[in-house]
């Protein structure tokens, strides 16, 4: 599998000038190519689809040699870096169209990069060399200043395993980083007959294994801690004239607070996903297939108020990625299945009932009194076993759940809608 490692580097003033010049040429190429695409679309949008002559990234890559002759400064760049800039623009457009086709009407097309934007320099497969704890980058800048940076000894990269290297700048901290994407061998997955299901939530993650034993991991809500502080500073900034010294001071403070919040969320998700993978003997982890945008955009009572917790926080989607790659590193596997209706359905009798978000305990007429998230995790496990495994495994799992809850199959619970009225 491929992993990425971010490493902080400290370029000299001369090296920083070179990086800024190269980044500026990449930014101009991106903006000019975006402008051409917009003009091309305006010319072709009214034509029948079969008659359209739309620009592709391949067309522009083939024109790079002529572009370098016309504008010699583009020759400063290593050719692969320019190709990756055009590929990035193409990927941005494909992402935009994919979102639109999936019904996301709020998706917006790629935008121009501002003058202060540092464009990431991407070296894909070539143009860099790693040896003796030093990484070197190719370029043709007139200054002939070598771009060489030391790598800590703990990172044992080899040219054969490294697939891509990126140079970027953290605008808030004004620090430079090198991101190395490399290939790492992982153990082969083997189904050991043990399974762990999780219902991933904003407040906590509830899980249950094939023996009916439950566990939960509470989320550290850094976003809640910073929420009031961010709103206070943002209100003060918005009452200042944009661009003034006070506005800049509050804006810098606001950016730092948001970055601190994001870093805390990121750190907690790394730690909790590691614990979830290492804490189970199961080689297969089952989770619900979440749609963060769908959860935040629903107009029903259950989704009301989730926008702030879900949007732009990486609360759910990023956590799933962390959990997936950490599981793969140790030879385990994460499987996503549909979790539609798992919260509404009682895991014991199957009775369905709409529940608002604030109802954290399920109380069913069959006698089941259970945490809402745990009930959902049990339903996720039941759905997986019924689809992928045998009836005996499902029966054994439910017997374990009944032992844990103290409920039994003395009689089949009668659904609520068919109960007789008291005499």
Protein backbone atom coordinates (compact mmCIF):
# COMPACT_ATOMS: atom_id res chain seq x y z
CA UNK A 1 0.00 0.00 0.00
CA UNK A 2 1.03 3.62 -0.46
CA UNK A 3 1.61 5.91 2.53
CA UNK A 4 2.55 9.59 2.77
CA UNK A 5 4.96 11.09 5.28
CA UNK A 6 5.17 14.84 5.91
CA UNK A 7 8.63 16.14 6.81
CA UNK A 8 9.47 19.70 7.82
CA UNK A 9 12.39 21.29 5.96
CA UNK A 10 14.25 24.55 6.54
CA UNK A 11 15.31 26.15 3.24
CA UNK A 12 17.81 29.00 3.20
CA UNK A 13 16.78 32.46 1.97
CA UNK A 14 18.24 31.69 -1.46
CA UNK A 15 16.42 28.37 -1.64
CA UNK A 16 13.19 30.04 -0.53
CA UNK A 17 13.49 32.55 -3.38
CA UNK A 18 13.90 29.70 -5.86
CA UNK A 19 10.89 27.84 -4.44
CA UNK A 20 8.78 31.00 -4.60
CA UNK A 21 9.76 31.62 -8.25
CA UNK A 22 9.00 28.05 -9.27
CA UNK A 23 5.69 28.10 -7.41
CA UNK A 24 4.70 31.34 -9.14
CA UNK A 25 5.28 29.81 -12.58
CA UNK A 26 3.12 26.84 -11.61
CA UNK A 27 0.39 29.19 -10.37
CA UNK A 28 0.40 31.14 -13.64
CA UNK A 29 0.24 27.93 -15.67
CA UNK A 30 -2.75 26.73 -13.62
CA UNK A 31 -4.60 30.05 -14.01
CA UNK A 32 -3.89 30.39 -17.75
CA UNK A 33 -4.98 26.79 -18.36
CA UNK A 34 -8.13 27.36 -16.31
CA UNK A 35 -8.90 30.49 -18.34
CA UNK A 36 -8.49 28.53 -21.59
CA UNK A 37 -10.84 25.84 -20.33
CA UNK A 38 -13.49 28.39 -19.39
CA UNK A 39 -13.28 30.06 -22.81
CA UNK A 40 -13.32 26.67 -24.54
CA UNK A 41 -16.46 25.67 -22.65
CA UNK A 42 -18.22 28.92 -23.55
CA UNK A 43 -17.51 28.17 -27.22
CA UNK A 44 -18.72 24.56 -27.04
CA UNK A 45 -21.53 24.47 -24.48
CA UNK A 46 -24.27 25.24 -27.02
CA UNK A 47 -23.05 22.67 -29.56
CA UNK A 48 -24.30 19.06 -29.68
CA UNK A 49 -22.18 16.79 -27.50
CA UNK A 50 -20.72 14.90 -30.47
CA UNK A 51 -19.54 18.17 -32.09
CA UNK A 52 -17.81 19.64 -29.04
CA UNK A 53 -14.06 20.07 -29.17
CA UNK A 54 -13.13 20.32 -25.49
CA UNK A 55 -9.59 20.80 -24.19
CA UNK A 56 -7.99 17.95 -22.25
CA UNK A 57 -4.91 17.82 -20.03
CA UNK A 58 -3.18 15.64 -22.65
CA UNK A 59 -3.64 18.38 -25.27
CA UNK A 60 -2.00 20.93 -23.02
CA UNK A 61 0.83 18.59 -21.99
CA UNK A 62 1.68 18.06 -25.66
CA UNK A 63 1.93 21.84 -26.08
CA UNK A 64 4.38 22.32 -23.19
CA UNK A 65 7.54 22.24 -25.40
CA UNK A 66 6.17 25.09 -27.55
CA UNK A 67 5.05 26.95 -24.43
CA UNK A 68 8.60 26.83 -23.03
CA UNK A 69 9.95 28.31 -26.27
CA UNK A 70 7.43 31.14 -26.20
CA UNK A 71 7.83 31.79 -22.46
CA UNK A 72 11.39 30.79 -21.44
CA UNK A 73 10.64 31.09 -17.70
CA UNK A 74 8.59 27.90 -17.88
CA UNK A 75 11.85 26.19 -18.75
CA UNK A 76 12.97 26.77 -15.16
CA UNK A 77 10.61 24.01 -14.11
CA UNK A 78 11.28 20.32 -14.26
CA UNK A 79 8.94 19.06 -17.01
CA UNK A 80 7.16 16.55 -14.77
CA UNK A 81 6.12 19.33 -12.37
CA UNK A 82 4.36 21.24 -15.16
CA UNK A 83 2.60 18.08 -16.29
CA UNK A 84 1.34 17.47 -12.75
CA UNK A 85 -0.07 21.03 -12.59
CA UNK A 86 -2.15 20.35 -15.71
CA UNK A 87 -3.13 16.98 -14.27
CA UNK A 88 -4.25 18.69 -11.06
CA UNK A 89 -6.52 21.06 -12.98
CA UNK A 90 -7.99 18.13 -14.90
CA UNK A 91 -8.59 16.24 -11.62
CA UNK A 92 -10.31 19.30 -10.11
CA UNK A 93 -12.70 19.44 -13.05
CA UNK A 94 -13.44 15.72 -12.94
CA UNK A 95 -14.20 15.99 -9.23
CA UNK A 96 -16.54 18.92 -9.89
CA UNK A 97 -18.45 17.07 -12.63
CA UNK A 98 -18.63 13.88 -10.53
CA UNK A 99 -20.20 15.79 -7.65
CA UNK A 100 -22.72 17.40 -9.99
CA UNK A 101 -23.66 14.04 -11.52
CA UNK A 102 -24.24 12.67 -8.01
CA UNK A 103 -26.73 15.45 -7.34
CA UNK A 104 -24.60 17.91 -5.40
CA UNK A 105 -25.89 21.21 -6.74
CA UNK A 106 -23.65 23.19 -4.36
CA UNK A 107 -20.46 21.93 -6.03
CA UNK A 108 -18.41 24.72 -7.60
CA UNK A 109 -15.90 24.58 -10.50
CA UNK A 110 -12.16 25.19 -9.93
CA UNK A 111 -11.17 28.78 -9.11
CA UNK A 112 -8.15 30.93 -9.91
CA UNK A 113 -5.19 30.91 -7.48
CA UNK A 114 -4.38 34.27 -5.87
CA UNK A 115 -0.98 36.00 -5.90
CA UNK A 116 -0.14 34.91 -2.35
CA UNK A 117 -0.97 31.28 -3.06
CA UNK A 118 2.00 28.90 -2.90
CA UNK A 119 1.43 26.23 -5.53
CA UNK A 120 2.55 22.78 -4.48
CA UNK A 121 5.48 21.46 -6.53
CA UNK A 122 4.81 17.82 -7.36
CA UNK A 123 7.60 15.51 -8.53
CA UNK A 124 6.02 12.29 -9.74
CA UNK A 125 8.30 9.24 -10.21
CA UNK A 126 11.29 11.32 -11.33
CA UNK A 127 13.06 14.65 -10.79
CA UNK A 128 14.16 13.84 -7.24
CA UNK A 129 16.83 11.71 -5.62
CA UNK A 130 17.14 10.38 -2.06
CA UNK A 131 20.49 9.26 -0.76
CA UNK A 132 22.42 9.43 2.52
CA UNK A 133 19.63 11.23 4.36
CA UNK A 134 19.34 14.01 1.75
CA UNK A 135 16.60 14.62 -0.81
CA UNK A 136 17.51 16.55 -3.97
CA UNK A 137 15.16 18.16 -6.50
CA UNK A 138 15.83 18.96 -10.17
CA UNK A 139 15.18 22.41 -11.65
CA UNK A 140 16.65 24.86 -14.19
CA UNK A 141 16.40 28.12 -12.27
CA UNK A 142 19.02 30.70 -13.41
CA UNK A 143 20.43 30.98 -9.87
CA UNK A 144 21.64 27.34 -10.00
CA UNK A 145 20.83 27.12 -6.28
CA UNK A 146 20.55 23.41 -5.42
CA UNK A 147 17.33 22.34 -3.71
CA UNK A 148 18.66 19.86 -1.17
CA UNK A 149 17.10 19.13 2.21
CA UNK A 150 18.06 16.80 5.03
CA UNK A 151 15.72 13.99 6.06
CA UNK A 152 15.75 12.66 9.65
CA UNK A 153 17.41 9.28 10.07
CA UNK A 154 14.17 7.64 11.25
CA UNK A 155 12.79 7.89 7.70
CA UNK A 156 14.41 5.13 5.67
CA UNK A 157 13.22 5.95 2.16
CA UNK A 158 14.60 4.32 -0.96
CA UNK A 159 14.27 5.62 -4.51
CA UNK A 160 12.65 2.39 -5.64
CA UNK A 161 9.86 2.64 -3.05
CA UNK A 162 9.17 6.39 -3.37
CA UNK A 163 6.39 7.16 -5.87
CA UNK A 164 5.91 10.90 -5.48
CA UNK A 165 7.36 13.86 -3.61
CA UNK A 166 5.67 17.23 -3.02
CA UNK A 167 7.02 20.54 -1.72
CA UNK A 168 4.46 22.81 -0.08
CA UNK A 169 4.24 25.65 2.42
CA UNK A 170 2.07 26.07 5.50
CA UNK A 171 0.83 29.64 4.98
CA UNK A 172 -0.17 30.13 8.60
CA UNK A 173 3.14 29.02 10.11
CA UNK A 174 5.20 30.12 7.09
CA UNK A 175 6.99 26.75 7.16
CA UNK A 176 8.00 24.45 4.32
CA UNK A 177 7.32 20.74 4.17
CA UNK A 178 8.17 17.80 1.94
CA UNK A 179 5.52 15.10 1.54
CA UNK A 180 6.93 11.73 0.48
CA UNK A 181 4.54 9.12 -0.92
CA UNK A 182 6.09 5.67 -0.69
CA UNK A 183 5.09 2.04 -1.00
CA UNK A 184 5.04 -0.18 2.06
CA UNK A 185 4.56 -3.94 2.16
CA UNK A 186 1.65 -5.11 4.33
CA UNK A 187 0.68 -8.55 5.71
CA UNK A 188 -1.84 -10.49 3.67
CA UNK A 189 -5.40 -10.38 5.00
CA UNK A 190 -6.76 -13.64 6.42
CA UNK A 191 -10.32 -14.12 7.68
CA UNK A 192 -9.95 -15.62 11.18
CA UNK A 193 -13.71 -15.94 11.73
CA UNK A 194 -13.83 -13.07 14.24
CA UNK A 195 -15.64 -9.82 13.43
CA UNK A 196 -15.97 -6.39 15.03
CA UNK A 197 -18.74 -3.97 14.01
CA UNK A 198 -18.75 -0.26 14.79
CA UNK A 199 -21.36 2.46 14.57
CA UNK A 200 -19.28 5.58 13.98
CA UNK A 201 -20.78 8.65 15.58
CA UNK A 202 -19.95 12.25 16.39
CA UNK A 203 -20.11 11.81 20.16
CA UNK A 204 -18.70 8.28 20.35
CA UNK A 205 -18.00 5.08 18.41
CA UNK A 206 -19.91 2.04 19.70
CA UNK A 207 -18.76 -1.47 18.78
CA UNK A 208 -19.77 -5.08 19.24
CA UNK A 209 -17.92 -8.33 18.42
CA UNK A 210 -19.17 -11.77 17.37
CA UNK A 211 -19.44 -12.85 21.03
CA UNK A 212 -21.90 -10.06 21.76
CA UNK A 213 -19.38 -8.08 23.84
CA UNK A 214 -19.65 -4.32 23.45
CA UNK A 215 -17.17 -1.46 23.68
CA UNK A 216 -17.28 2.28 23.11
CA UNK A 217 -14.74 5.03 22.39
CA UNK A 218 -15.69 8.61 23.22
CA UNK A 219 -14.68 11.33 20.79
CA UNK A 220 -12.72 14.27 22.06
CA UNK A 221 -14.78 17.22 20.86
CA UNK A 222 -12.10 19.81 20.25
CA UNK A 223 -14.48 21.62 17.89
CA UNK A 224 -16.92 22.17 20.77
CA UNK A 225 -14.16 23.60 22.96
CA UNK A 226 -13.06 26.09 20.31
CA UNK A 227 -16.53 26.94 18.99
CA UNK A 228 -17.35 29.87 21.29
CA UNK A 229 -13.79 31.23 21.16
CA UNK A 230 -13.75 31.19 17.36
CA UNK A 231 -17.15 32.90 17.18
CA UNK A 232 -16.00 35.66 19.55
CA UNK A 233 -12.85 36.45 17.55
CA UNK A 234 -14.69 36.19 14.25
CA UNK A 235 -17.32 38.66 15.47
CA UNK A 236 -14.61 41.15 16.49
CA UNK A 237 -12.87 40.75 13.13
CA UNK A 238 -16.09 41.27 11.17
CA UNK A 239 -16.70 44.56 12.97
CA UNK A 240 -13.39 45.91 11.66
CA UNK A 241 -12.71 47.35 8.24
CA UNK A 242 -11.41 44.58 6.02
CA UNK A 243 -7.67 44.92 5.44
CA UNK A 244 -7.07 47.24 8.40
CA UNK A 245 -4.44 46.47 11.03
CA UNK A 246 -7.04 45.38 13.58
CA UNK A 247 -8.78 43.20 10.98
CA UNK A 248 -5.47 41.54 10.10
CA UNK A 249 -4.64 40.98 13.77
CA UNK A 250 -7.98 39.32 14.49
CA UNK A 251 -7.85 37.35 11.23
CA UNK A 252 -4.41 35.94 12.10
CA UNK A 253 -5.66 34.98 15.56
CA UNK A 254 -8.75 33.36 14.05
CA UNK A 255 -6.66 31.29 11.61
CA UNK A 256 -4.41 30.10 14.41
CA UNK A 257 -7.38 29.01 16.53
CA UNK A 258 -8.94 27.09 13.64
CA UNK A 259 -5.61 25.43 12.88
CA UNK A 260 -5.21 24.43 16.53
CA UNK A 261 -8.69 22.91 16.55
CA UNK A 262 -8.01 20.99 13.32
CA UNK A 263 -4.69 19.68 14.66
CA UNK A 264 -6.34 18.44 17.87
CA UNK A 265 -9.07 16.64 15.93
CA UNK A 266 -6.46 15.12 13.61
CA UNK A 267 -4.32 13.93 16.55
CA UNK A 268 -7.27 12.37 18.39
CA UNK A 269 -8.48 10.55 15.29
CA UNK A 270 -5.04 9.06 14.72
CA UNK A 271 -4.89 7.82 18.31
CA UNK A 272 -8.44 6.46 18.56
CA UNK A 273 -8.24 4.65 15.19
CA UNK A 274 -5.01 2.97 16.32
CA UNK A 275 -6.65 1.84 19.57
CA UNK A 276 -9.71 0.51 17.72
CA UNK A 277 -7.56 -1.58 15.40
CA UNK A 278 -5.20 -2.91 18.09
CA UNK A 279 -7.93 -3.51 20.68
CA UNK A 280 -9.68 -6.29 18.76
CA UNK A 281 -8.61 -9.82 17.84
CA UNK A 282 -10.93 -9.71 14.84
CA UNK A 283 -9.26 -9.42 11.45
CA UNK A 284 -12.42 -7.95 9.93
CA UNK A 285 -13.90 -4.62 11.04
CA UNK A 286 -17.36 -3.67 9.75
CA UNK A 287 -18.54 -0.06 9.70
CA UNK A 288 -21.50 1.78 8.23
CA UNK A 289 -21.16 3.36 4.81
CA UNK A 290 -21.54 7.02 5.77
CA UNK A 291 -22.47 9.96 3.55
CA UNK A 292 -21.32 13.06 5.45
CA UNK A 293 -22.87 15.49 2.98
CA UNK A 294 -26.12 13.57 3.05
CA UNK A 295 -26.23 13.56 6.83
CA UNK A 296 -25.65 17.30 7.01
CA UNK A 297 -28.00 18.29 4.20
CA UNK A 298 -31.08 16.28 5.20
CA UNK A 299 -33.98 18.44 6.22
CA UNK A 300 -35.45 16.09 8.79
CA UNK A 301 -35.30 16.37 12.56
CA UNK A 302 -32.46 13.85 12.94
CA UNK A 303 -30.00 15.85 10.84
CA UNK A 304 -30.85 19.28 12.22
CA UNK A 305 -27.82 20.83 13.86
CA UNK A 306 -25.27 18.38 12.42
CA UNK A 307 -23.80 20.76 9.84
CA UNK A 308 -21.33 22.40 12.19
CA UNK A 309 -20.18 19.05 13.61
CA UNK A 310 -19.78 17.35 10.24
CA UNK A 311 -18.81 19.92 7.63
CA UNK A 312 -15.17 20.98 7.22
CA UNK A 313 -14.02 19.07 10.32
CA UNK A 314 -12.97 15.70 8.87
CA UNK A 315 -14.98 14.20 11.69
CA UNK A 316 -16.24 11.15 9.79
CA UNK A 317 -14.76 10.72 6.31
CA UNK A 318 -11.16 11.28 7.39
CA UNK A 319 -11.57 8.98 10.37
CA UNK A 320 -12.70 6.15 8.07
CA UNK A 321 -9.54 6.60 5.97
CA UNK A 322 -7.35 6.49 9.10
CA UNK A 323 -9.09 3.35 10.32
CA UNK A 324 -8.81 1.65 6.92
CA UNK A 325 -5.10 2.16 6.34
CA UNK A 326 -4.15 1.37 9.94
CA UNK A 327 -6.06 -1.90 9.68
CA UNK A 328 -4.35 -2.77 6.41
CA UNK A 329 -0.92 -2.13 7.94
CA UNK A 330 -1.45 -5.01 10.40
CA UNK A 331 -3.17 -7.40 7.98
CA UNK A 332 -6.75 -6.52 8.87
CA UNK A 333 -9.59 -5.34 6.68
CA UNK A 334 -12.31 -2.69 6.98
CA UNK A 335 -15.61 -3.41 5.22
CA UNK A 336 -18.25 -0.72 4.70
CA UNK A 337 -21.90 -1.77 4.41
CA UNK A 338 -25.13 0.19 4.26
CA UNK A 339 -26.32 1.33 7.67
CA UNK A 340 -29.65 2.70 6.47
CA UNK A 341 -32.33 2.16 9.11
CA UNK A 342 -30.00 0.62 11.70
CA UNK A 343 -30.85 3.34 14.24
CA UNK A 344 -34.62 3.05 13.76
CA UNK A 345 -34.75 -0.74 14.08
CA UNK A 346 -34.72 -2.56 17.42
CA UNK A 347 -31.90 -5.10 17.29
CA UNK A 348 -33.94 -7.69 19.27
CA UNK A 349 -37.41 -7.72 17.72
CA UNK A 350 -36.85 -5.75 14.51
CA UNK A 351 -39.57 -3.18 15.27
CA UNK A 352 -38.87 0.13 13.49
CA UNK A 353 -39.60 3.54 14.95
CA UNK A 354 -38.51 7.04 14.00
CA UNK A 355 -36.31 8.54 16.71
CA UNK A 356 -35.09 12.11 17.01
CA UNK A 357 -31.41 12.82 17.51
CA UNK A 358 -31.68 13.65 21.22
CA UNK A 359 -33.08 10.18 22.07
CA UNK A 360 -29.88 8.40 23.10
CA UNK A 361 -31.58 5.36 24.74
CA UNK A 362 -33.84 2.97 22.83
CA UNK A 363 -36.82 1.64 24.79
CA UNK A 364 -38.74 -0.98 22.86
CA UNK A 365 -41.97 -2.81 23.82
CA UNK A 366 -40.10 -6.11 23.59
CA UNK A 367 -38.16 -5.15 26.72
CA UNK A 368 -35.01 -3.96 24.98
CA UNK A 369 -33.47 -0.93 26.68
CA UNK A 370 -30.17 -0.10 25.01
CA UNK A 371 -27.84 2.71 23.99
CA UNK A 372 -28.81 4.04 20.59
CA UNK A 373 -25.32 3.69 19.06
CA UNK A 374 -24.81 0.17 20.41
CA UNK A 375 -28.17 -0.86 18.96
CA UNK A 376 -27.03 0.45 15.58
CA UNK A 377 -23.70 -1.42 15.84
CA UNK A 378 -25.56 -4.68 16.56
CA UNK A 379 -27.79 -4.13 13.53
CA UNK A 380 -24.71 -3.49 11.37
CA UNK A 381 -23.22 -6.79 12.57
CA UNK A 382 -26.53 -8.62 11.96
CA UNK A 383 -26.72 -7.21 8.43
CA UNK A 384 -23.15 -8.28 7.67
CA UNK A 385 -23.60 -11.81 9.03
CA UNK A 386 -26.89 -12.30 7.20
CA UNK A 387 -25.37 -11.15 3.89
CA UNK A 388 -21.86 -12.59 4.05
CA UNK A 389 -21.86 -15.39 6.65
CA UNK A 390 -23.96 -18.39 7.69
CA UNK A 391 -27.22 -18.56 9.62
CA UNK A 392 -25.45 -20.40 12.46
CA UNK A 393 -23.01 -17.51 12.95
CA UNK A 394 -25.89 -15.02 13.05
CA UNK A 395 -27.78 -17.19 15.55
CA UNK A 396 -24.68 -17.55 17.74
CA UNK A 397 -24.14 -13.79 17.67
CA UNK A 398 -27.74 -13.03 18.68
CA UNK A 399 -27.56 -15.56 21.52
CA UNK A 400 -24.53 -13.67 22.80
CA UNK A 401 -26.44 -10.38 22.59
CA UNK A 402 -29.41 -11.85 24.47
CA UNK A 403 -27.12 -13.08 27.22
CA UNK A 404 -25.59 -9.62 27.55
CA UNK A 405 -28.98 -7.85 27.65
CA UNK A 406 -30.71 -10.42 29.88
CA UNK A 407 -33.47 -10.96 27.28
CA UNK A 408 -34.41 -14.39 25.98
CA UNK A 409 -36.47 -16.10 23.31
CA UNK A 410 -39.12 -17.35 25.76
CA UNK A 411 -41.65 -15.92 23.32
CA UNK A 412 -41.39 -13.99 20.11
CA UNK A 413 -41.93 -10.27 20.84
CA UNK A 414 -45.22 -8.99 19.46
CA UNK A 415 -44.86 -5.96 17.18
CA UNK A 416 -46.33 -2.76 18.57
CA UNK A 417 -48.90 -2.33 15.80
CA UNK A 418 -50.49 -5.76 16.47
CA UNK A 419 -50.80 -5.54 20.25
CA UNK A 420 -54.33 -5.88 21.59
CA UNK A 421 -55.86 -3.01 23.49
CA UNK A 422 -56.17 -3.60 27.26
CA UNK A 423 -59.58 -4.76 28.41
